[in-house]
Amino acid sequence: MIETVTQSIFINAFRNSEEFKEKYSYEALGDLFTHLEQYEDETGEQIELNIYTLQGLYSEFDSLDKFNEDRFPTRMGFTVEDDWFESVDKLRESTEVIEVGNTGRIIIMTDF
C-alpha cells in the first residue's frame, strides 16, 4: 500500500518530530523533497518516508567551510585545510550535494 507524500507532509514529518525538528532549515527540507522526487522520477524507485533513515543519510551545513570544519576537525589546534574540499563542485565529485536555494547552505549525503 502506497501513500502519496506531498512536500507539506514531508516537511511536517520532520518539523513535528522532537528529535529532528531543528536538524534542517525549512528551505533545505523543500529542496531535499524535490531532490528525492527527482530521484524517484529518474529511477522509478519509490522512497519510503522514513525520517530516521533520511536524517542519517543527509546533513545540512551552513556553508562548505562549515562542512569542512566538521569533516576535518582541527589537529592540535590547527585546521589542516589541505584536506578540505575547495569547492562545492569538488565535493560533488565525492558525494551527492544539494545546494539550498541561494543561501550558501548545502545538504550532503553523508555516507561517502
Protein backbone atom coordinates (compact mmCIF):
# COMPACT_ATOMS: atom_id res chain seq x y z
CA MET A 1 0.00 0.00 0.00
CA ILE A 2 1.44 3.35 -1.04
CA GLU A 3 0.53 6.79 0.23
CA THR A 4 1.43 9.83 -1.85
CA VAL A 5 3.53 12.29 0.13
CA THR A 6 3.31 15.99 -0.64
CA GLN A 7 6.05 18.49 0.14
CA SER A 8 3.95 19.75 3.04
CA ILE A 9 3.58 16.24 4.53
CA PHE A 10 7.32 15.66 4.07
CA ILE A 11 8.31 18.90 5.81
CA ASN A 12 5.79 18.39 8.62
CA ALA A 13 7.13 14.88 9.29
CA PHE A 14 10.46 16.46 10.25
CA ARG A 15 9.04 19.61 11.87
CA ASN A 16 6.68 17.57 14.10
CA SER A 17 9.48 15.32 15.30
CA GLU A 18 11.06 16.34 18.60
CA GLU A 19 14.33 14.69 17.54
CA PHE A 20 14.71 16.23 14.09
CA LYS A 21 12.67 19.45 14.00
CA GLU A 22 15.82 21.59 14.22
CA LYS A 23 18.10 19.43 12.04
CA TYR A 24 17.15 21.07 8.72
CA SER A 25 16.02 24.53 7.70
CA TYR A 26 12.61 24.84 6.09
CA GLU A 27 14.26 25.65 2.74
CA ALA A 28 16.54 22.62 3.00
CA LEU A 29 13.59 20.29 3.59
CA GLY A 30 11.87 21.67 0.49
CA ASP A 31 14.99 21.18 -1.60
CA LEU A 32 15.57 17.69 -0.19
CA PHE A 33 11.98 16.75 -1.03
CA THR A 34 12.44 17.99 -4.62
CA HIS A 35 15.73 16.09 -4.90
CA LEU A 36 14.13 12.84 -3.69
CA GLU A 37 11.16 13.28 -6.03
CA GLN A 38 13.53 13.76 -8.99
CA TYR A 39 15.42 10.62 -7.95
CA GLU A 40 12.16 8.66 -7.92
CA ASP A 41 11.20 10.02 -11.36
CA GLU A 42 14.61 9.23 -12.85
CA THR A 43 14.97 5.73 -11.41
CA GLY A 44 11.38 4.55 -11.00
CA GLU A 45 12.34 3.56 -7.45
CA GLN A 46 9.99 4.67 -4.69
CA ILE A 47 11.43 6.10 -1.49
CA GLU A 48 9.77 5.45 1.83
CA LEU A 49 9.21 8.49 4.04
CA ASN A 50 11.29 7.37 6.98
CA ILE A 51 12.72 10.41 8.73
CA TYR A 52 15.07 8.28 10.81
CA THR A 53 16.71 6.83 7.70
CA LEU A 54 16.75 10.12 5.79
CA GLN A 55 18.29 12.12 8.63
CA GLY A 56 21.06 9.52 8.80
CA LEU A 57 21.76 9.87 5.09
CA TYR A 58 21.58 13.64 4.64
CA SER A 59 23.03 16.50 6.67
CA GLU A 60 22.68 20.25 6.21
CA PHE A 61 25.62 22.61 6.65
CA ASP A 62 25.59 26.42 6.74
CA SER A 63 28.41 26.53 4.21
CA LEU A 64 31.14 24.50 2.56
CA ASP A 65 33.56 25.82 5.18
CA LYS A 66 31.30 24.56 7.99
CA PHE A 67 31.20 21.15 6.30
CA ASN A 68 34.99 21.12 6.02
CA GLU A 69 35.39 22.14 9.66
CA ASP A 70 33.04 19.38 10.77
CA ARG A 71 34.52 16.72 8.49
CA PHE A 72 38.15 17.66 9.08
CA PRO A 73 38.44 18.82 12.69
CA THR A 74 41.43 20.71 13.97
CA ARG A 75 44.59 18.84 14.81
CA MET A 76 46.49 20.22 17.77
CA GLY A 77 44.61 23.49 17.41
CA PHE A 78 45.27 23.85 13.68
CA THR A 79 42.86 23.05 10.90
CA VAL A 80 44.50 21.09 8.11
CA GLU A 81 42.99 22.96 5.20
CA ASP A 82 44.88 20.85 2.68
CA ASP A 83 42.27 18.13 3.31
CA TRP A 84 39.35 20.49 2.70
CA PHE A 85 37.15 20.44 -0.37
CA GLU A 86 37.94 23.68 -2.16
CA SER A 87 34.58 24.00 -3.91
CA VAL A 88 31.09 22.54 -3.94
CA ASP A 89 31.93 21.05 -7.35
CA LYS A 90 34.90 19.17 -5.85
CA LEU A 91 32.69 17.89 -3.04
CA ARG A 92 30.08 16.85 -5.62
CA GLU A 93 32.72 14.56 -7.18
CA SER A 94 32.66 12.53 -3.93
CA THR A 95 29.01 12.60 -2.87
CA GLU A 96 25.54 13.97 -3.56
CA VAL A 97 25.30 17.69 -2.90
CA ILE A 98 22.07 19.69 -2.84
CA GLU A 99 22.50 23.45 -2.80
CA VAL A 100 19.81 25.11 -0.67
CA GLY A 101 18.42 27.89 -2.82
CA ASN A 102 20.71 30.91 -2.89
CA THR A 103 21.53 30.65 0.80
CA GLY A 104 25.04 29.21 0.56
CA ARG A 105 23.86 26.26 2.68
CA ILE A 106 24.33 22.73 1.40
CA ILE A 107 22.86 19.31 2.06
CA ILE A 108 25.17 16.40 1.53
CA MET A 109 24.76 12.66 1.52
CA THR A 110 26.94 11.91 4.50
CA ASP A 111 27.69 8.28 3.72
CA PHE A 112 30.77 8.64 1.49
